[in-house]
N, C-alpha and C. Protein backbone atom coordinates (compact mmCIF):
# COMPACT_ATOMS: atom_id res chain seq x y z
N MET A 1 -20.30 -29.02 -12.78
CA MET A 1 -19.39 -28.48 -11.67
C MET A 1 -18.51 -27.27 -11.98
N ALA A 2 -18.67 -26.30 -11.25
CA ALA A 2 -17.79 -24.99 -11.26
C ALA A 2 -16.63 -25.12 -11.52
N GLU A 3 -15.49 -24.73 -12.38
CA GLU A 3 -14.31 -24.63 -12.43
C GLU A 3 -13.71 -23.87 -11.38
N MET A 4 -12.71 -24.46 -10.51
CA MET A 4 -12.17 -23.95 -9.09
C MET A 4 -10.50 -23.40 -9.59
N VAL A 5 -10.20 -22.66 -8.77
CA VAL A 5 -9.04 -22.08 -8.86
C VAL A 5 -8.36 -22.04 -7.06
N LYS A 6 -6.95 -22.25 -7.30
CA LYS A 6 -6.26 -22.10 -6.12
C LYS A 6 -5.81 -20.69 -5.94
N VAL A 7 -6.20 -20.19 -4.45
CA VAL A 7 -5.80 -18.96 -4.19
C VAL A 7 -4.69 -18.92 -3.00
N SER A 8 -3.69 -18.38 -2.91
CA SER A 8 -3.01 -18.46 -1.88
C SER A 8 -3.07 -16.97 -1.31
N LEU A 9 -3.51 -16.78 0.19
CA LEU A 9 -3.60 -15.45 0.42
C LEU A 9 -2.24 -15.28 1.56
N THR A 10 -2.07 -14.04 1.51
CA THR A 10 -0.80 -13.75 2.57
C THR A 10 -1.08 -12.33 3.30
N TYR A 11 -1.20 -12.36 4.56
CA TYR A 11 -1.28 -11.40 5.06
C TYR A 11 -0.03 -10.55 5.89
N THR A 12 -0.15 -9.11 6.05
CA THR A 12 1.19 -8.93 6.83
C THR A 12 0.64 -8.10 8.25
N GLY A 13 1.57 -7.68 8.85
CA GLY A 13 1.19 -6.80 10.07
C GLY A 13 -0.04 -7.37 10.83
N GLN A 14 -0.65 -6.51 11.21
CA GLN A 14 -1.86 -6.72 12.07
C GLN A 14 -2.95 -7.84 11.45
N LEU A 15 -3.10 -7.86 10.31
CA LEU A 15 -4.01 -8.87 9.81
C LEU A 15 -3.45 -10.18 10.24
N ALA A 16 -2.24 -10.32 9.95
CA ALA A 16 -1.26 -11.76 10.15
C ALA A 16 -1.49 -12.16 11.36
N GLN A 17 -1.48 -11.08 12.71
CA GLN A 17 -1.72 -11.04 13.62
C GLN A 17 -3.10 -11.84 13.99
N GLU A 18 -4.04 -11.26 13.57
CA GLU A 18 -5.40 -11.17 13.97
C GLU A 18 -5.68 -12.57 13.29
N ALA A 19 -5.40 -13.04 12.01
CA ALA A 19 -5.66 -14.16 11.54
C ALA A 19 -5.14 -15.36 12.17
N GLY A 20 -4.32 -15.06 12.90
CA GLY A 20 -3.34 -16.39 13.81
C GLY A 20 -2.20 -17.00 12.66
N SER A 21 -2.32 -16.27 11.40
CA SER A 21 -1.28 -17.23 10.41
C SER A 21 -1.18 -15.83 9.32
N LYS A 22 0.36 -16.62 8.72
CA LYS A 22 0.46 -15.30 7.41
C LYS A 22 -0.30 -15.83 6.07
N THR A 23 -0.42 -16.85 6.05
CA THR A 23 -1.05 -17.46 4.86
C THR A 23 -2.19 -18.61 5.13
N GLU A 24 -3.03 -18.55 3.99
CA GLU A 24 -4.01 -19.61 3.96
C GLU A 24 -4.20 -19.97 2.15
N THR A 25 -4.44 -20.92 1.94
CA THR A 25 -4.64 -21.26 0.57
C THR A 25 -6.31 -21.78 0.67
N VAL A 26 -7.16 -21.39 -0.58
CA VAL A 26 -8.37 -21.39 -0.56
C VAL A 26 -8.65 -21.73 -1.97
N ALA A 27 -9.91 -22.59 -2.32
CA ALA A 27 -10.31 -22.93 -3.47
C ALA A 27 -11.47 -21.52 -3.69
N VAL A 28 -11.28 -21.13 -5.21
CA VAL A 28 -12.58 -20.60 -5.26
C VAL A 28 -13.09 -20.83 -6.67
N GLU A 29 -14.37 -20.53 -6.99
CA GLU A 29 -14.63 -20.40 -8.74
C GLU A 29 -14.29 -19.53 -9.38
N VAL A 30 -13.90 -19.98 -10.59
CA VAL A 30 -13.37 -19.21 -11.83
C VAL A 30 -14.29 -17.82 -11.99
N GLY A 31 -13.96 -16.53 -11.81
CA GLY A 31 -15.02 -15.31 -11.84
C GLY A 31 -15.12 -14.87 -10.75
N THR A 32 -14.80 -15.46 -9.57
CA THR A 32 -15.24 -14.83 -8.36
C THR A 32 -14.12 -13.51 -7.92
N PRO A 33 -15.03 -12.55 -7.56
CA PRO A 33 -14.01 -11.27 -7.38
C PRO A 33 -13.50 -11.09 -6.55
N LEU A 34 -12.10 -10.51 -6.32
CA LEU A 34 -11.10 -10.67 -5.37
C LEU A 34 -11.83 -10.07 -4.16
N ARG A 35 -12.51 -8.79 -4.18
CA ARG A 35 -13.49 -8.23 -2.96
C ARG A 35 -14.38 -9.40 -2.20
N GLN A 36 -14.97 -10.01 -3.07
CA GLN A 36 -15.93 -11.08 -2.34
C GLN A 36 -15.03 -12.07 -1.59
N LEU A 37 -14.11 -12.57 -2.25
CA LEU A 37 -13.24 -13.46 -1.20
C LEU A 37 -12.65 -12.67 -0.15
N LEU A 38 -12.23 -11.77 0.04
CA LEU A 38 -11.94 -11.26 0.99
C LEU A 38 -12.74 -10.83 2.09
N ALA A 39 -14.03 -10.59 1.49
CA ALA A 39 -15.18 -10.31 2.24
C ALA A 39 -15.51 -11.72 3.37
N GLU A 40 -15.50 -12.61 2.15
CA GLU A 40 -15.95 -14.21 2.87
C GLU A 40 -14.96 -14.79 3.70
N TYR A 41 -13.68 -14.23 3.65
CA TYR A 41 -12.81 -14.96 4.58
C TYR A 41 -12.58 -14.03 5.89
N ALA A 42 -12.88 -12.70 5.72
CA ALA A 42 -13.14 -12.10 6.70
C ALA A 42 -14.00 -12.11 7.70
N GLN A 43 -15.39 -12.83 6.92
CA GLN A 43 -16.44 -13.18 8.30
C GLN A 43 -16.13 -14.47 8.99
N ARG A 44 -14.89 -15.06 8.34
CA ARG A 44 -14.73 -16.12 9.27
C ARG A 44 -13.37 -15.65 10.33
N GLN A 45 -13.41 -14.57 10.36
CA GLN A 45 -12.11 -14.09 11.34
C GLN A 45 -12.78 -12.89 12.26
N SER A 46 -11.69 -12.64 13.31
CA SER A 46 -12.24 -11.81 14.26
C SER A 46 -12.89 -10.46 13.90
N GLU A 47 -13.59 -9.94 14.57
CA GLU A 47 -14.16 -8.46 14.42
C GLU A 47 -12.94 -7.54 14.39
N ARG A 48 -11.87 -7.78 14.93
CA ARG A 48 -10.77 -6.94 15.00
C ARG A 48 -10.53 -7.06 13.51
N PHE A 49 -10.02 -8.31 12.90
CA PHE A 49 -9.73 -8.54 11.48
C PHE A 49 -10.56 -7.80 10.82
N ARG A 50 -11.91 -7.66 10.72
CA ARG A 50 -12.58 -7.28 9.76
C ARG A 50 -12.81 -5.79 9.73
N GLU A 51 -12.63 -5.08 10.91
CA GLU A 51 -12.35 -3.53 11.40
C GLU A 51 -11.06 -3.30 10.51
N LEU A 52 -10.17 -4.00 10.53
CA LEU A 52 -8.50 -3.67 9.86
C LEU A 52 -8.95 -3.36 8.41
N LEU A 53 -9.55 -4.41 7.83
CA LEU A 53 -9.80 -4.76 6.44
C LEU A 53 -11.01 -3.79 5.84
N PHE A 54 -12.20 -3.85 6.31
CA PHE A 54 -13.18 -3.08 6.09
C PHE A 54 -14.00 -1.95 6.92
N SER A 55 -14.16 -1.08 5.97
CA SER A 55 -14.73 0.21 7.08
C SER A 55 -16.32 -0.20 7.17
N ASP A 56 -16.84 0.86 8.10
CA ASP A 56 -18.47 0.68 8.57
C ASP A 56 -19.14 0.11 7.28
N ALA A 57 -19.00 1.05 6.25
CA ALA A 57 -19.80 0.63 5.20
C ALA A 57 -19.51 -0.61 4.24
N GLN A 58 -18.56 -1.19 4.99
CA GLN A 58 -18.21 -2.69 4.26
C GLN A 58 -17.52 -2.48 2.58
N GLU A 59 -16.78 -1.20 2.83
CA GLU A 59 -15.73 -1.13 1.89
C GLU A 59 -14.39 -1.35 2.33
N LEU A 60 -13.51 -1.77 1.01
CA LEU A 60 -12.37 -2.36 1.53
C LEU A 60 -11.48 -0.93 1.88
N ARG A 61 -10.55 -1.01 3.01
CA ARG A 61 -10.27 0.39 3.53
C ARG A 61 -9.22 0.62 2.45
N LYS A 62 -9.37 2.24 2.01
CA LYS A 62 -8.34 2.45 1.09
C LYS A 62 -6.65 2.61 1.57
N SER A 63 -6.48 2.40 2.70
CA SER A 63 -5.02 2.00 3.29
C SER A 63 -4.69 0.65 3.16
N ILE A 64 -5.48 -0.15 2.56
CA ILE A 64 -5.18 -1.77 2.37
C ILE A 64 -4.45 -1.90 0.84
N LEU A 65 -3.46 -2.32 1.07
CA LEU A 65 -2.60 -2.87 -0.44
C LEU A 65 -3.00 -4.10 -0.68
N VAL A 66 -3.61 -4.35 -2.18
CA VAL A 66 -3.66 -5.58 -2.40
C VAL A 66 -3.20 -6.05 -3.67
N ALA A 67 -2.25 -7.03 -3.80
CA ALA A 67 -1.36 -7.28 -4.97
C ALA A 67 -1.57 -8.63 -4.91
N VAL A 68 -2.01 -8.95 -6.51
CA VAL A 68 -2.20 -10.24 -7.29
C VAL A 68 -0.71 -10.84 -7.89
N ASP A 69 -0.38 -11.76 -7.75
CA ASP A 69 0.67 -12.29 -8.38
C ASP A 69 1.79 -11.03 -8.49
N GLY A 70 2.22 -10.34 -7.71
CA GLY A 70 3.03 -9.32 -7.93
C GLY A 70 2.56 -7.77 -8.32
N THR A 71 1.31 -7.97 -8.55
CA THR A 71 0.78 -6.67 -9.49
C THR A 71 -0.22 -5.98 -8.27
N GLN A 72 -0.08 -4.53 -8.26
CA GLN A 72 -1.22 -4.07 -7.12
C GLN A 72 -2.23 -4.18 -8.00
N ILE A 73 -3.49 -4.26 -7.56
CA ILE A 73 -5.03 -4.23 -7.79
C ILE A 73 -5.64 -2.89 -7.15
N ALA A 74 -6.11 -1.94 -8.12
CA ALA A 74 -6.63 -0.97 -7.90
C ALA A 74 -7.88 -0.61 -7.23
N ASP A 75 -8.73 -1.70 -7.91
CA ASP A 75 -10.24 -1.82 -7.60
C ASP A 75 -10.35 -3.42 -7.42
N PRO A 76 -10.51 -4.07 -6.29
CA PRO A 76 -10.59 -5.22 -5.92
C PRO A 76 -12.06 -5.99 -6.53
N GLN A 77 -13.08 -4.97 -6.53
CA GLN A 77 -14.05 -5.44 -6.91
C GLN A 77 -14.33 -5.75 -8.60
N LYS A 78 -13.28 -5.02 -9.46
CA LYS A 78 -13.40 -5.59 -10.62
C LYS A 78 -12.47 -6.50 -11.18
N TYR A 79 -11.62 -6.93 -10.09
CA TYR A 79 -10.72 -8.01 -10.42
C TYR A 79 -11.29 -9.40 -10.01
N ALA A 80 -11.13 -10.22 -11.12
CA ALA A 80 -11.95 -11.52 -10.94
C ALA A 80 -10.97 -12.84 -11.06
N PHE A 81 -10.93 -13.66 -10.27
CA PHE A 81 -9.76 -15.03 -10.57
C PHE A 81 -10.15 -15.90 -11.71
N ASP A 82 -9.02 -15.98 -12.68
CA ASP A 82 -9.34 -16.91 -13.60
C ASP A 82 -8.46 -18.01 -13.70
N ASP A 83 -7.47 -17.95 -12.64
CA ASP A 83 -6.34 -19.10 -12.61
C ASP A 83 -5.91 -18.85 -11.32
N ASP A 84 -4.80 -19.89 -10.80
CA ASP A 84 -4.33 -19.93 -9.87
C ASP A 84 -3.53 -18.74 -9.40
N ALA A 85 -3.80 -18.18 -8.23
CA ALA A 85 -3.07 -16.70 -7.93
C ALA A 85 -2.71 -16.70 -6.62
N GLU A 86 -1.39 -15.88 -6.52
CA GLU A 86 -1.00 -15.56 -4.82
C GLU A 86 -1.67 -14.00 -4.61
N VAL A 87 -2.13 -14.16 -3.59
CA VAL A 87 -2.90 -12.36 -3.25
C VAL A 87 -2.13 -11.93 -1.96
N LEU A 88 -1.35 -10.93 -1.92
CA LEU A 88 -0.87 -10.33 -0.69
C LEU A 88 -1.63 -9.12 -0.42
N VAL A 89 -2.07 -9.07 1.07
CA VAL A 89 -2.77 -8.08 1.74
C VAL A 89 -1.93 -7.49 2.60
N MET A 90 -1.80 -6.41 2.42
CA MET A 90 -0.75 -5.30 3.42
C MET A 90 -1.67 -4.28 4.20
N THR A 91 -1.39 -4.27 5.22
CA THR A 91 -1.84 -2.96 6.19
C THR A 91 -0.77 -1.94 6.07
N PRO A 92 -1.44 -0.71 6.34
CA PRO A 92 -0.17 0.48 6.48
C PRO A 92 0.93 0.39 7.34
N ILE A 93 2.10 0.67 6.60
CA ILE A 93 3.18 0.45 7.61
C ILE A 93 3.69 1.65 7.95
N ALA A 94 4.10 1.75 9.52
CA ALA A 94 4.17 2.96 10.37
C ALA A 94 5.54 3.02 10.46
N GLY A 95 6.16 4.11 11.07
CA GLY A 95 7.54 3.93 11.58
C GLY A 95 8.17 5.20 11.03
N GLY A 96 9.56 5.51 11.46
CA GLY A 96 10.23 6.26 11.23
C GLY A 96 11.77 6.22 10.75
């Protein structure tokens, strides 16, 4: 049986509105890439949620900020979970 870790996802702004919740905790296998987790989670959400998170080419939008345990992750495809983690996914902030 694969070793599992607990990942708490926190969404802000429009993503939280579309998800209907600001937070969710999921279990993933050790070694799961962050981008894979986000893509799998997005598939269970609305089309609008997926559009906010991913481009038509299924790439994570460059305007999305992703942090794991308080550290920004530049390349979510290269980051893989090896321990329990808190993930923050932020949409762009507009205003003046």
